[in-house]
């Protein structure tokens, strides 16, 4: 209000005409100051200024962060069709607009086309002659300039018009400051809410791949970017993309940044990288860089340890990230890294509890179950020797043989329970069997497994890792929702995808209750996203129960 009061003092002692227009000015100030949305406020300012000064056209040019040109241009009086015919909006690097950027002083002209600083108009631009320009200051800094052209009735803008618009510009600066403060507060709230959502999701027990996907998805949404990408250090000392959230993720997952890249070195040293245009920046050496424009690459760092990198690229030609967005994104990356560390520690504790439980089960099986089965077998053998009926003796002999087989199977299970996962071979076949064996404990039965083709040698590491994650998701869905008594798992490495490339297909079929109408599809959506990121697909259909009861999930991707 102090600024508005100071500006209004300049009205004292002016003409009766101006005094008569003061109520109109006050109404204009009230209109401009209403509302907190920045874009709505700017639209209201240009319209109100045009009405106040009786101008046909009005515009606000917002100065960019470098103070060299315009980052936005809000207009009044020019229709959508005229905008389309004119083409690109002015960038403020030349002409009268550029002059007001570098010398922000009120300017009133009878014919702007005669001014030596004028650079002319593009084709299809409406003719303009009379001109009035006034700077808009927000909290003491130049925010932009308010431009008015074409005084109605053919006259020039008067000195009274200039004074009125200067007062309005002061009020506009206050309104813009309030709107920007509100927008910044709302933006911070969204980033904070996003950080909370990531932390909550990660601590809910998601596996590593799902946790990274959550970080990528939230970052993309909060940064208003074309993609959210998570990279982890690879064995060669560079970075590999391991999680992607994008409308078209094809070809992104699995991309490597070599260790000799300056970007990789800077990120692994814990320093953020901000790029104005990924397609033209020589530091961006990957093939996918040509698809994007402004980008933020932020280290996921916690406790001095760099876990990976979070990237949020925008499309080519999109607006660059502001200083506030860079700060908020950096804070989000730090919070996400801390959440990943906490989630990893929680999974370690849960894994330790599982190992301890497995040891206890193995001891019980060895010390109690096998001993009782062995004693029962000895009792049956004694009864067999005393039996005088050949059929009874033969039946008891078969029962003893079955007990021996059962004892061998239990001993095999004990060995598997006592074996650490890192002790097992790392082939895809073994990893599939390990997942099935792990799922058998909560399921209460052992799913069957069938392999077609040389899965260990044909399926690549990236596809294999995602296939295991898809299998884990499908088995989890079957356990939590299907209430199945039978599950069949098939891995076929001999298929052809619809585009003719070689692929691998995972099929998980059960005889459960199927997918209820209107039920949640988040698990199936995760499977589809994972497959699509590799160039594959995921579908579901009837199961292997009677009359097609249950669900069959089919997941396939290139080798």
Protein backbone atom coordinates (compact mmCIF):
# COMPACT_ATOMS: atom_id res chain seq x y z
CA UNK A 1 0.00 0.00 0.00
CA UNK A 2 2.92 2.33 0.66
CA UNK A 3 4.03 1.98 -2.99
CA UNK A 4 0.52 2.64 -4.24
CA UNK A 5 0.18 5.67 -1.99
CA UNK A 6 3.47 7.12 -3.23
CA UNK A 7 2.43 6.61 -6.83
CA UNK A 8 -0.97 8.20 -6.24
CA UNK A 9 0.63 11.39 -4.85
CA UNK A 10 1.85 12.17 -8.35
CA UNK A 11 -1.81 12.72 -9.31
CA UNK A 12 -2.15 15.71 -6.99
CA UNK A 13 -2.41 19.03 -8.69
CA UNK A 14 -3.25 17.62 -12.10
CA UNK A 15 -6.16 18.49 -14.32
CA UNK A 16 -9.83 18.20 -13.51
CA UNK A 17 -10.06 15.57 -16.27
CA UNK A 18 -7.62 13.38 -14.42
CA UNK A 19 -9.36 14.00 -11.11
CA UNK A 20 -12.62 12.88 -12.69
CA UNK A 21 -10.96 9.62 -13.77
CA UNK A 22 -9.67 8.77 -10.28
CA UNK A 23 -12.73 6.62 -9.43
CA UNK A 24 -12.08 4.67 -12.61
CA UNK A 25 -8.46 4.25 -11.55
CA UNK A 26 -9.44 3.03 -8.09
CA UNK A 27 -11.84 0.52 -9.61
CA UNK A 28 -9.07 -0.63 -11.97
CA UNK A 29 -6.69 -1.05 -9.00
CA UNK A 30 -9.31 -3.07 -7.16
CA UNK A 31 -9.82 -5.30 -10.19
CA UNK A 32 -6.11 -5.89 -10.70
CA UNK A 33 -5.57 -6.77 -7.04
CA UNK A 34 -8.27 -9.47 -6.99
CA UNK A 35 -7.18 -13.12 -7.22
CA UNK A 36 -3.93 -15.00 -6.71
CA UNK A 37 -3.42 -16.98 -9.89
CA UNK A 38 -0.49 -15.41 -11.77
CA UNK A 39 -1.73 -16.01 -15.32
CA UNK A 40 -5.22 -14.77 -14.49
CA UNK A 41 -3.68 -11.72 -12.81
CA UNK A 42 -1.62 -10.88 -15.90
CA UNK A 43 -4.65 -11.24 -18.18
CA UNK A 44 -6.64 -8.98 -15.86
CA UNK A 45 -3.87 -6.35 -15.82
CA UNK A 46 -3.61 -5.99 -19.60
CA UNK A 47 -7.38 -5.82 -20.01
CA UNK A 48 -7.78 -3.28 -17.20
CA UNK A 49 -4.92 -1.12 -18.49
CA UNK A 50 -6.42 -1.05 -21.98
CA UNK A 51 -9.79 0.00 -20.62
CA UNK A 52 -8.24 2.62 -18.32
CA UNK A 53 -6.21 4.30 -21.08
CA UNK A 54 -8.81 3.64 -23.81
CA UNK A 55 -6.29 1.64 -25.86
CA UNK A 56 -7.12 -0.94 -28.52
CA UNK A 57 -4.19 -3.22 -27.65
CA UNK A 58 -2.23 -3.98 -24.47
CA UNK A 59 0.53 -6.40 -23.51
CA UNK A 60 2.89 -7.33 -20.69
CA UNK A 61 6.37 -8.50 -21.60
CA UNK A 62 7.91 -10.57 -18.78
CA UNK A 63 11.69 -10.25 -18.64
CA UNK A 64 13.66 -13.51 -18.54
CA UNK A 65 16.12 -14.51 -15.81
CA UNK A 66 19.11 -13.32 -17.85
CA UNK A 67 17.53 -9.83 -18.17
CA UNK A 68 18.25 -9.96 -21.89
CA UNK A 69 14.86 -10.74 -23.42
CA UNK A 70 11.29 -11.83 -22.75
CA UNK A 71 10.28 -15.16 -21.26
CA UNK A 72 6.55 -14.57 -21.83
CA UNK A 73 4.27 -12.12 -23.59
CA UNK A 74 0.66 -11.67 -22.44
CA UNK A 75 -1.60 -9.74 -24.82
CA UNK A 76 -5.04 -8.15 -24.99
CA UNK A 77 -6.92 -7.11 -28.13
CA UNK A 78 -5.26 -9.61 -30.49
CA UNK A 79 -7.47 -12.63 -31.21
CA UNK A 80 -6.41 -16.25 -31.51
CA UNK A 81 -6.57 -16.19 -35.31
CA UNK A 82 -4.43 -13.04 -35.46
CA UNK A 83 -1.91 -14.64 -33.11
CA UNK A 84 -1.75 -17.64 -35.41
CA UNK A 85 -1.16 -15.48 -38.46
CA UNK A 86 1.49 -13.36 -36.73
CA UNK A 87 3.45 -16.43 -35.62
CA UNK A 88 6.03 -16.46 -32.84
CA UNK A 89 5.68 -13.94 -30.03
CA UNK A 90 8.42 -11.29 -29.67
CA UNK A 91 11.52 -12.26 -27.73
CA UNK A 92 12.44 -8.70 -26.75
CA UNK A 93 15.99 -8.79 -28.10
CA UNK A 94 15.49 -5.80 -30.39
CA UNK A 95 13.19 -2.89 -31.20
CA UNK A 96 11.27 -0.79 -28.70
CA UNK A 97 10.57 -3.83 -26.53
CA UNK A 98 14.28 -4.47 -26.19
CA UNK A 99 14.95 -0.78 -25.51
CA UNK A 100 12.50 -0.78 -22.59
CA UNK A 101 14.12 -3.91 -21.16
CA UNK A 102 17.55 -2.30 -21.06
CA UNK A 103 16.28 1.18 -20.14
CA UNK A 104 13.08 0.67 -18.08
CA UNK A 105 11.58 4.15 -18.14
CA UNK A 106 8.08 5.36 -19.07
CA UNK A 107 7.84 6.01 -22.80
CA UNK A 108 5.08 7.82 -24.73
CA UNK A 109 5.17 8.09 -28.54
CA UNK A 110 2.84 9.66 -31.07
CA UNK A 111 4.08 7.30 -33.82
CA UNK A 112 6.23 4.36 -32.81
CA UNK A 113 7.06 3.55 -36.43
CA UNK A 114 9.04 6.81 -36.64
CA UNK A 115 11.16 6.04 -33.60
CA UNK A 116 14.72 5.04 -34.62
CA UNK A 117 14.64 2.17 -32.12
CA UNK A 118 11.61 0.60 -33.82
CA UNK A 119 12.32 -2.68 -35.62
CA UNK A 120 9.03 -2.91 -37.50
CA UNK A 121 6.32 -5.54 -37.31
CA UNK A 122 6.16 -9.08 -38.68
CA UNK A 123 3.76 -9.82 -41.58
CA UNK A 124 0.07 -10.04 -40.68
CA UNK A 125 0.69 -7.90 -37.56
CA UNK A 126 -2.06 -5.28 -37.01
CA UNK A 127 -0.90 -1.68 -37.61
CA UNK A 128 0.08 0.25 -34.49
CA UNK A 129 1.24 3.86 -34.10
CA UNK A 130 0.48 5.51 -30.78
CA UNK A 131 2.44 3.89 -27.96
CA UNK A 132 2.70 3.99 -24.17
CA UNK A 133 5.17 1.85 -22.22
CA UNK A 134 5.57 1.67 -18.45
CA UNK A 135 7.85 -0.65 -16.41
CA UNK A 136 6.34 -2.97 -13.78
CA UNK A 137 8.39 -3.45 -10.63
CA UNK A 138 7.84 -6.36 -8.24
CA UNK A 139 9.49 -6.00 -4.83
CA UNK A 140 11.89 -3.40 -6.20
CA UNK A 141 12.99 -5.39 -9.28
CA UNK A 142 11.84 -4.97 -12.87
CA UNK A 143 9.38 -7.79 -13.62
CA UNK A 144 8.48 -6.61 -17.11
CA UNK A 145 6.88 -3.80 -19.05
CA UNK A 146 3.28 -2.83 -19.70
CA UNK A 147 2.69 -1.76 -23.31
CA UNK A 148 -0.36 0.07 -24.70
CA UNK A 149 -0.90 0.91 -28.37
CA UNK A 150 -3.52 2.48 -30.62
CA UNK A 151 -5.40 5.09 -28.57
CA UNK A 152 -9.04 4.84 -29.58
CA UNK A 153 -10.41 7.82 -31.52
CA UNK A 154 -7.13 8.38 -33.36
CA UNK A 155 -5.52 10.66 -30.76
CA UNK A 156 -2.32 10.30 -28.78
CA UNK A 157 -1.93 8.97 -25.28
CA UNK A 158 -1.98 11.97 -22.95
CA UNK A 159 0.11 12.87 -19.95
CA UNK A 160 -2.92 11.97 -17.81
CA UNK A 161 -2.98 8.50 -19.43
CA UNK A 162 0.67 8.08 -18.52
CA UNK A 163 0.09 9.01 -14.87
CA UNK A 164 -2.93 6.74 -14.60
CA UNK A 165 -1.08 3.77 -16.14
CA UNK A 166 1.96 4.35 -13.90
CA UNK A 167 -0.26 4.11 -10.83
CA UNK A 168 -1.91 1.01 -12.26
CA UNK A 169 1.53 -0.50 -12.99
CA UNK A 170 2.48 0.00 -9.34
CA UNK A 171 -0.65 -1.80 -8.21
CA UNK A 172 0.01 -4.47 -10.85
CA UNK A 173 3.49 -5.01 -9.37
CA UNK A 174 1.95 -5.57 -5.94
CA UNK A 175 -0.64 -7.98 -7.37
CA UNK A 176 1.98 -9.86 -9.35
CA UNK A 177 4.19 -10.11 -6.25
CA UNK A 178 1.32 -11.60 -4.26
CA UNK A 179 0.46 -14.02 -7.07
CA UNK A 180 4.08 -15.10 -7.44
CA UNK A 181 4.39 -15.63 -3.70
CA UNK A 182 1.21 -17.71 -3.69
CA UNK A 183 2.39 -19.72 -6.69
CA UNK A 184 5.77 -20.35 -5.04
CA UNK A 185 4.05 -21.50 -1.85
CA UNK A 186 1.78 -23.85 -3.77
CA UNK A 187 4.76 -25.16 -5.72
CA UNK A 188 6.70 -25.88 -2.52
CA UNK A 189 3.66 -27.65 -1.08
CA UNK A 190 3.43 -29.90 -4.15
CA UNK A 191 7.10 -30.85 -3.93
CA UNK A 192 6.79 -31.52 -0.20
CA UNK A 193 3.68 -33.65 -0.79
CA UNK A 194 5.56 -35.50 -3.51
CA UNK A 195 8.48 -36.20 -1.18
CA UNK A 196 6.07 -37.53 1.44
CA UNK A 197 4.37 -39.75 -1.16
CA UNK A 198 7.72 -41.18 -2.26
CA UNK A 199 8.83 -41.86 1.31
CA UNK A 200 5.50 -43.49 2.19
CA UNK A 201 5.56 -45.69 -0.90
CA UNK A 202 9.16 -46.77 -0.43
CA UNK A 203 8.69 -47.64 3.24
CA UNK A 204 5.53 -49.63 2.39
CA UNK A 205 7.73 -52.52 1.32
CA UNK A 206 8.09 -52.08 -2.45
CA UNK A 207 11.00 -53.91 -4.06
CA UNK A 208 13.96 -51.97 -5.43
CA UNK A 209 12.68 -51.75 -9.02
CA UNK A 210 9.25 -50.55 -7.93
CA UNK A 211 10.81 -48.05 -5.53
CA UNK A 212 12.89 -46.49 -8.31
CA UNK A 213 9.84 -46.39 -10.58
CA UNK A 214 7.95 -44.45 -7.88
CA UNK A 215 10.77 -41.89 -7.66
CA UNK A 216 10.80 -41.46 -11.45
CA UNK A 217 7.03 -41.08 -11.69
CA UNK A 218 6.74 -38.54 -8.87
CA UNK A 219 9.68 -36.48 -10.16
CA UNK A 220 8.17 -36.33 -13.64
CA UNK A 221 4.84 -35.11 -12.30
CA UNK A 222 6.30 -32.52 -9.93
CA UNK A 223 8.82 -31.09 -12.41
CA UNK A 224 6.23 -30.94 -15.22
CA UNK A 225 8.74 -32.76 -17.40
CA UNK A 226 8.41 -35.14 -20.35
CA UNK A 227 10.06 -37.96 -18.44
CA UNK A 228 11.29 -39.00 -15.02
CA UNK A 229 14.45 -41.11 -15.22
CA UNK A 230 16.54 -42.86 -12.56
CA UNK A 231 20.12 -43.92 -13.32
CA UNK A 232 22.35 -46.15 -11.19
CA UNK A 233 26.12 -46.69 -11.36
CA UNK A 234 27.05 -49.59 -13.67
CA UNK A 235 29.95 -52.04 -13.53
CA UNK A 236 32.02 -49.97 -15.94
CA UNK A 237 31.98 -46.84 -13.79
CA UNK A 238 29.31 -45.01 -15.76
CA UNK A 239 25.55 -44.75 -15.30
CA UNK A 240 22.67 -46.90 -16.56
CA UNK A 241 18.99 -45.96 -16.84
CA UNK A 242 17.06 -48.46 -14.69
CA UNK A 243 13.65 -46.77 -14.25
CA UNK A 244 11.61 -44.56 -16.60
CA UNK A 245 8.28 -42.75 -16.38
CA UNK A 246 7.27 -41.30 -19.76
CA UNK A 247 4.46 -41.35 -22.30
CA UNK A 248 6.82 -43.10 -24.71
CA UNK A 249 9.56 -44.94 -22.77
CA UNK A 250 10.70 -46.99 -25.78
CA UNK A 251 14.47 -47.10 -26.13
CA UNK A 252 15.19 -45.24 -22.88
CA UNK A 253 15.51 -48.08 -20.36
CA UNK A 254 18.98 -49.61 -20.34
CA UNK A 255 20.74 -46.59 -21.90
CA UNK A 256 24.31 -46.17 -20.63
CA UNK A 257 26.25 -42.98 -19.96
CA UNK A 258 29.94 -43.87 -20.36
CA UNK A 259 32.32 -43.25 -17.44
CA UNK A 260 34.41 -40.78 -19.47
CA UNK A 261 31.40 -38.50 -19.97
CA UNK A 262 31.80 -35.17 -18.13
CA UNK A 263 28.16 -35.46 -17.04
CA UNK A 264 28.74 -38.89 -15.46
CA UNK A 265 31.85 -37.70 -13.63
CA UNK A 266 30.09 -34.63 -12.26
CA UNK A 267 27.03 -36.60 -11.14
CA UNK A 268 29.06 -39.37 -9.48
CA UNK A 269 30.97 -36.64 -7.65
CA UNK A 270 27.63 -35.53 -6.20
CA UNK A 271 27.18 -32.35 -8.27
CA UNK A 272 23.94 -31.51 -10.14
CA UNK A 273 23.94 -30.82 -13.87
CA UNK A 274 21.50 -28.37 -15.49
CA UNK A 275 21.16 -28.37 -19.27
CA UNK A 276 19.34 -25.75 -21.36
CA UNK A 277 18.96 -28.01 -24.40
CA UNK A 278 19.85 -31.70 -24.23
CA UNK A 279 19.70 -32.06 -28.02
CA UNK A 280 22.47 -29.53 -28.65
CA UNK A 281 24.58 -29.71 -25.47
CA UNK A 282 27.88 -31.52 -26.31
CA UNK A 283 28.00 -33.05 -22.82
CA UNK A 284 24.86 -35.10 -23.55
CA UNK A 285 26.35 -38.03 -25.45
CA UNK A 286 23.49 -40.55 -25.43
CA UNK A 287 21.21 -41.19 -28.40
CA UNK A 288 18.08 -40.30 -26.43
CA UNK A 289 19.35 -36.77 -25.69
CA UNK A 290 18.07 -35.61 -29.08
CA UNK A 291 14.50 -36.20 -27.88
CA UNK A 292 14.66 -33.65 -25.07
CA UNK A 293 15.28 -29.98 -24.31
CA UNK A 294 15.87 -28.44 -20.87
CA UNK A 295 16.97 -31.06 -18.34
CA UNK A 296 17.88 -31.39 -14.68
CA UNK A 297 20.22 -34.21 -13.65
CA UNK A 298 20.39 -34.47 -9.88
CA UNK A 299 22.52 -36.83 -7.79
CA UNK A 300 20.62 -39.08 -5.39
CA UNK A 301 22.99 -38.45 -2.51
CA UNK A 302 22.62 -39.33 1.16
CA UNK A 303 25.28 -39.18 3.85
CA UNK A 304 28.01 -38.37 1.35
CA UNK A 305 27.16 -41.48 -0.70
CA UNK A 306 25.89 -41.13 -4.28
CA UNK A 307 23.25 -43.81 -4.90
CA UNK A 308 22.41 -42.75 -8.44
CA UNK A 309 20.93 -39.90 -10.47
CA UNK A 310 17.46 -38.47 -11.04
CA UNK A 311 16.84 -36.82 -14.43
CA UNK A 312 13.78 -34.74 -15.41
CA UNK A 313 14.03 -33.69 -19.08
CA UNK A 314 11.41 -31.53 -20.79
CA UNK A 315 10.47 -31.64 -24.46
CA UNK A 316 12.44 -29.65 -27.02
CA UNK A 317 11.43 -26.01 -27.07
CA UNK A 318 9.87 -26.13 -23.59
CA UNK A 319 10.61 -23.42 -21.06
CA UNK A 320 13.80 -23.88 -19.03
CA UNK A 321 13.66 -24.77 -15.37
CA UNK A 322 13.53 -21.77 -13.06
CA UNK A 323 15.87 -21.23 -10.13
CA UNK A 324 13.06 -22.14 -7.72
CA UNK A 325 12.35 -25.38 -9.61
CA UNK A 326 16.03 -26.32 -9.54
CA UNK A 327 16.20 -25.75 -5.78
CA UNK A 328 13.01 -27.71 -5.08
CA UNK A 329 14.06 -30.58 -7.34
CA UNK A 330 17.46 -30.79 -5.65
CA UNK A 331 15.78 -30.99 -2.25
CA UNK A 332 13.38 -33.64 -3.59
CA UNK A 333 16.31 -35.72 -4.87
CA UNK A 334 18.00 -35.56 -1.46
CA UNK A 335 14.78 -36.63 0.27
CA UNK A 336 14.24 -39.44 -2.26
CA UNK A 337 17.81 -40.67 -1.70
CA UNK A 338 17.25 -40.73 2.07
CA UNK A 339 13.98 -42.62 1.55
CA UNK A 340 15.80 -45.15 -0.65
CA UNK A 341 18.42 -45.69 2.04
CA UNK A 342 15.76 -46.13 4.73
CA UNK A 343 13.75 -48.48 2.50
CA UNK A 344 16.86 -50.52 1.76
CA UNK A 345 17.63 -50.78 5.47
CA UNK A 346 14.05 -51.85 6.13
CA UNK A 347 14.27 -54.53 3.45
CA UNK A 348 17.54 -55.76 4.97
CA UNK A 349 15.81 -56.12 8.34
CA UNK A 350 12.89 -57.96 6.76
CA UNK A 351 15.29 -60.17 4.79
CA UNK A 352 17.20 -61.00 7.98
CA UNK A 353 13.92 -61.91 9.69
CA UNK A 354 13.07 -64.21 6.77
CA UNK A 355 16.49 -65.88 6.94
CA UNK A 356 16.10 -66.42 10.67
CA UNK A 357 12.65 -67.88 10.10
CA UNK A 358 14.01 -70.15 7.39
CA UNK A 359 16.74 -71.40 9.72
CA UNK A 360 14.15 -72.17 12.38
CA UNK A 361 11.95 -74.04 9.89
CA UNK A 362 14.96 -76.01 8.64
CA UNK A 363 15.89 -77.00 12.20
CA UNK A 364 12.32 -78.04 12.98
CA UNK A 365 12.11 -80.09 9.80
CA UNK A 366 15.40 -81.80 10.57
CA UNK A 367 14.98 -82.32 14.31
CA UNK A 368 11.28 -83.10 14.47
CA UNK A 369 9.63 -83.97 11.17
CA UNK A 370 12.33 -86.18 9.65
CA UNK A 371 12.86 -88.02 12.95
CA UNK A 372 9.15 -88.73 13.26
CA UNK A 373 8.91 -89.85 9.66
CA UNK A 374 11.92 -92.11 10.16
CA UNK A 375 10.39 -93.59 13.30
CA UNK A 376 7.09 -94.12 11.50
CA UNK A 377 8.92 -95.90 8.68
CA UNK A 378 10.61 -98.24 11.15
CA UNK A 379 7.25 -99.04 12.74
CA UNK A 380 5.79 -99.82 9.33
CA UNK A 381 8.74 -102.05 8.45
CA UNK A 382 8.17 -103.98 11.68
CA UNK A 383 4.49 -104.35 10.84
CA UNK A 384 5.42 -105.51 7.34
CA UNK A 385 7.60 -108.32 8.73
CA UNK A 386 4.81 -109.51 11.02
CA UNK A 387 2.10 -109.35 8.39
CA UNK A 388 0.89 -112.72 7.03
CA UNK A 389 -1.25 -111.21 4.26
CA UNK A 390 0.87 -110.59 1.12
CA UNK A 391 -1.32 -107.71 -0.08
CA UNK A 392 -0.99 -105.94 3.26
CA UNK A 393 2.79 -106.45 3.29
CA UNK A 394 3.05 -105.06 -0.24
CA UNK A 395 0.96 -102.02 0.68
CA UNK A 396 3.06 -101.32 3.74
CA UNK A 397 6.20 -101.62 1.61
CA UNK A 398 4.88 -99.00 -0.78
CA UNK A 399 4.10 -96.69 2.14
CA UNK A 400 7.65 -97.11 3.45
CA UNK A 401 9.04 -96.25 0.00
CA UNK A 402 6.88 -93.13 -0.10
CA UNK A 403 8.16 -92.11 3.32
CA UNK A 404 11.74 -92.52 2.09
CA UNK A 405 11.00 -90.28 -0.89
CA UNK A 406 9.31 -87.76 1.38
CA UNK A 407 12.33 -87.73 3.69
CA UNK A 408 14.60 -87.05 0.70
CA UNK A 409 12.37 -84.20 -0.49
CA UNK A 410 12.33 -82.65 2.98
CA UNK A 411 16.13 -82.89 3.15
CA UNK A 412 16.30 -81.11 -0.22
CA UNK A 413 13.97 -78.40 1.13
CA UNK A 414 16.15 -78.06 4.24
CA UNK A 415 19.21 -77.57 2.05
CA UNK A 416 17.39 -74.91 0.02
CA UNK A 417 16.26 -73.11 3.18
CA UNK A 418 19.80 -73.08 4.56
CA UNK A 419 21.29 -71.83 1.28
CA UNK A 420 21.91 -68.08 0.93
CA UNK A 421 20.57 -66.54 -2.30
CA UNK A 422 24.06 -65.39 -3.25
CA UNK A 423 25.30 -68.99 -3.13
CA UNK A 424 23.01 -70.07 -5.95
CA UNK A 425 24.00 -69.73 -9.61
CA UNK A 426 22.82 -66.50 -11.19
CA UNK A 427 21.30 -67.94 -14.40
CA UNK A 428 17.79 -66.87 -15.34
CA UNK A 429 16.46 -70.41 -14.90
CA UNK A 430 17.82 -70.52 -11.34
CA UNK A 431 16.47 -67.08 -10.51
CA UNK A 432 13.02 -68.08 -11.75
CA UNK A 433 13.10 -71.24 -9.63
CA UNK A 434 14.29 -69.22 -6.66
CA UNK A 435 11.35 -66.80 -7.00
CA UNK A 436 8.94 -69.72 -7.30
CA UNK A 437 10.46 -71.37 -4.23
CA UNK A 438 10.18 -68.14 -2.25
CA UNK A 439 6.54 -67.75 -3.29
CA UNK A 440 5.75 -71.32 -2.28
CA UNK A 441 6.04 -70.48 1.43
CA UNK A 442 3.15 -67.95 1.61
CA UNK A 443 1.18 -69.81 -1.08
CA UNK A 444 1.27 -73.11 0.80
CA UNK A 445 2.09 -75.08 -2.37
CA UNK A 446 4.81 -75.25 -5.01
CA UNK A 447 3.97 -73.64 -8.40
CA UNK A 448 5.11 -75.65 -11.41
CA UNK A 449 7.82 -74.35 -13.74
CA UNK A 450 8.50 -75.12 -17.40
CA UNK A 451 11.26 -73.68 -19.60
CA UNK A 452 11.34 -73.57 -23.41
CA UNK A 453 14.60 -72.86 -25.20
CA UNK A 454 18.00 -71.83 -23.80
CA UNK A 455 16.72 -69.14 -21.43
CA UNK A 456 20.06 -68.68 -19.67
CA UNK A 457 22.05 -67.97 -22.84
CA UNK A 458 19.47 -66.12 -24.97
CA UNK A 459 17.83 -63.70 -22.53
CA UNK A 460 19.87 -60.56 -21.86
CA UNK A 461 20.56 -59.22 -18.38
CA UNK A 462 18.23 -56.19 -18.65
CA UNK A 463 15.31 -58.24 -19.97
CA UNK A 464 16.03 -61.02 -17.48
CA UNK A 465 16.03 -58.62 -14.56
CA UNK A 466 12.68 -57.19 -15.62
CA UNK A 467 11.26 -60.68 -16.26
CA UNK A 468 12.12 -61.67 -12.69
CA UNK A 469 10.46 -58.50 -11.39
CA UNK A 470 7.38 -59.28 -13.51
CA UNK A 471 7.30 -62.87 -12.20
CA UNK A 472 7.53 -61.58 -8.64
CA UNK A 473 4.65 -59.17 -9.28
CA UNK A 474 2.50 -61.87 -10.90
CA UNK A 475 3.12 -64.39 -8.09
CA UNK A 476 2.41 -61.70 -5.51
CA UNK A 477 -0.90 -60.88 -7.20
CA UNK A 478 -1.80 -64.57 -7.27
CA UNK A 479 -1.05 -64.92 -3.56
CA UNK A 480 -2.78 -61.72 -2.42
CA UNK A 481 -5.84 -61.72 -4.65
CA UNK A 482 -6.40 -64.96 -6.58
CA UNK A 483 -6.80 -67.53 -3.73
CA UNK A 484 -5.38 -70.09 -6.15
CA UNK A 485 -4.54 -73.75 -5.47
CA UNK A 486 -2.53 -74.21 -8.66
CA UNK A 487 -0.06 -71.95 -10.49
CA UNK A 488 1.83 -72.77 -13.68
CA UNK A 489 4.88 -70.74 -14.73
CA UNK A 490 6.30 -70.97 -18.25
CA UNK A 491 9.34 -69.12 -19.62
CA UNK A 492 9.67 -69.41 -23.41
CA UNK A 493 12.79 -67.93 -25.05
CA UNK A 494 11.88 -69.03 -28.59
CA UNK A 495 9.03 -66.66 -29.45
CA UNK A 496 8.70 -63.97 -32.10
CA UNK A 497 7.24 -60.61 -31.13
CA UNK A 498 4.63 -58.91 -33.36
CA UNK A 499 7.34 -56.74 -34.95
CA UNK A 500 9.31 -59.85 -35.95
CA UNK A 501 12.11 -59.59 -33.37
CA UNK A 502 13.14 -62.48 -31.13
CA UNK A 503 11.66 -62.32 -27.65
CA UNK A 504 10.97 -64.11 -24.40
CA UNK A 505 7.52 -64.77 -22.96
CA UNK A 506 6.63 -65.28 -19.31
CA UNK A 507 3.28 -66.90 -18.59
CA UNK A 508 1.87 -67.18 -15.07
CA UNK A 509 -1.48 -68.99 -14.96
CA UNK A 510 -3.62 -69.84 -11.91
CA UNK A 511 -6.99 -71.40 -11.10
CA UNK A 512 -8.11 -68.71 -8.64
CA UNK A 513 -11.09 -66.40 -8.59
CA UNK A 514 -9.95 -64.26 -11.51
CA UNK A 515 -9.94 -60.46 -11.73
CA UNK A 516 -13.14 -58.97 -10.32
CA UNK A 517 -14.95 -56.30 -12.32
CA UNK A 518 -14.00 -52.86 -11.05
CA UNK A 519 -11.10 -54.25 -9.04
CA UNK A 520 -7.69 -52.57 -8.76
CA UNK A 521 -5.37 -52.95 -11.73
CA UNK A 522 -2.21 -51.36 -10.30
CA UNK A 523 -0.23 -54.61 -10.39
CA UNK A 524 -1.23 -55.33 -14.00
CA UNK A 525 -0.42 -51.73 -14.94
CA UNK A 526 3.05 -52.12 -13.42
CA UNK A 527 3.60 -55.24 -15.53
CA UNK A 528 2.49 -53.43 -18.68
CA UNK A 529 4.72 -50.41 -18.02
CA UNK A 530 7.72 -52.63 -17.37
CA UNK A 531 7.17 -54.52 -20.64
CA UNK A 532 6.48 -51.39 -22.70
CA UNK A 533 9.67 -49.73 -21.47
CA UNK A 534 11.58 -52.60 -23.15
CA UNK A 535 9.48 -52.58 -26.32
CA UNK A 536 7.24 -55.48 -25.28
CA UNK A 537 3.73 -55.90 -23.91
CA UNK A 538 1.76 -57.51 -21.10
CA UNK A 539 -1.77 -58.96 -21.30
CA UNK A 540 -4.05 -61.13 -19.20
CA UNK A 541 -6.87 -63.60 -19.86
CA UNK A 542 -8.66 -66.71 -18.54
CA UNK A 543 -6.82 -69.02 -16.16
CA UNK A 544 -6.23 -72.79 -15.98
CA UNK A 545 -9.14 -73.64 -13.68
CA UNK A 546 -12.34 -75.33 -14.70
CA UNK A 547 -14.12 -73.41 -17.48
CA UNK A 548 -11.24 -70.92 -17.62
CA UNK A 549 -11.41 -69.97 -13.96
CA UNK A 550 -8.50 -67.90 -12.68
CA UNK A 551 -6.12 -65.61 -14.57
CA UNK A 552 -3.30 -66.04 -17.06
CA UNK A 553 -0.78 -63.19 -17.18
CA UNK A 554 1.40 -63.03 -20.29
CA UNK A 555 4.48 -60.81 -20.25
CA UNK A 556 6.87 -60.57 -23.20
CA UNK A 557 9.84 -58.46 -24.23
CA UNK A 558 12.74 -58.51 -26.73
CA UNK A 559 15.68 -60.72 -25.87
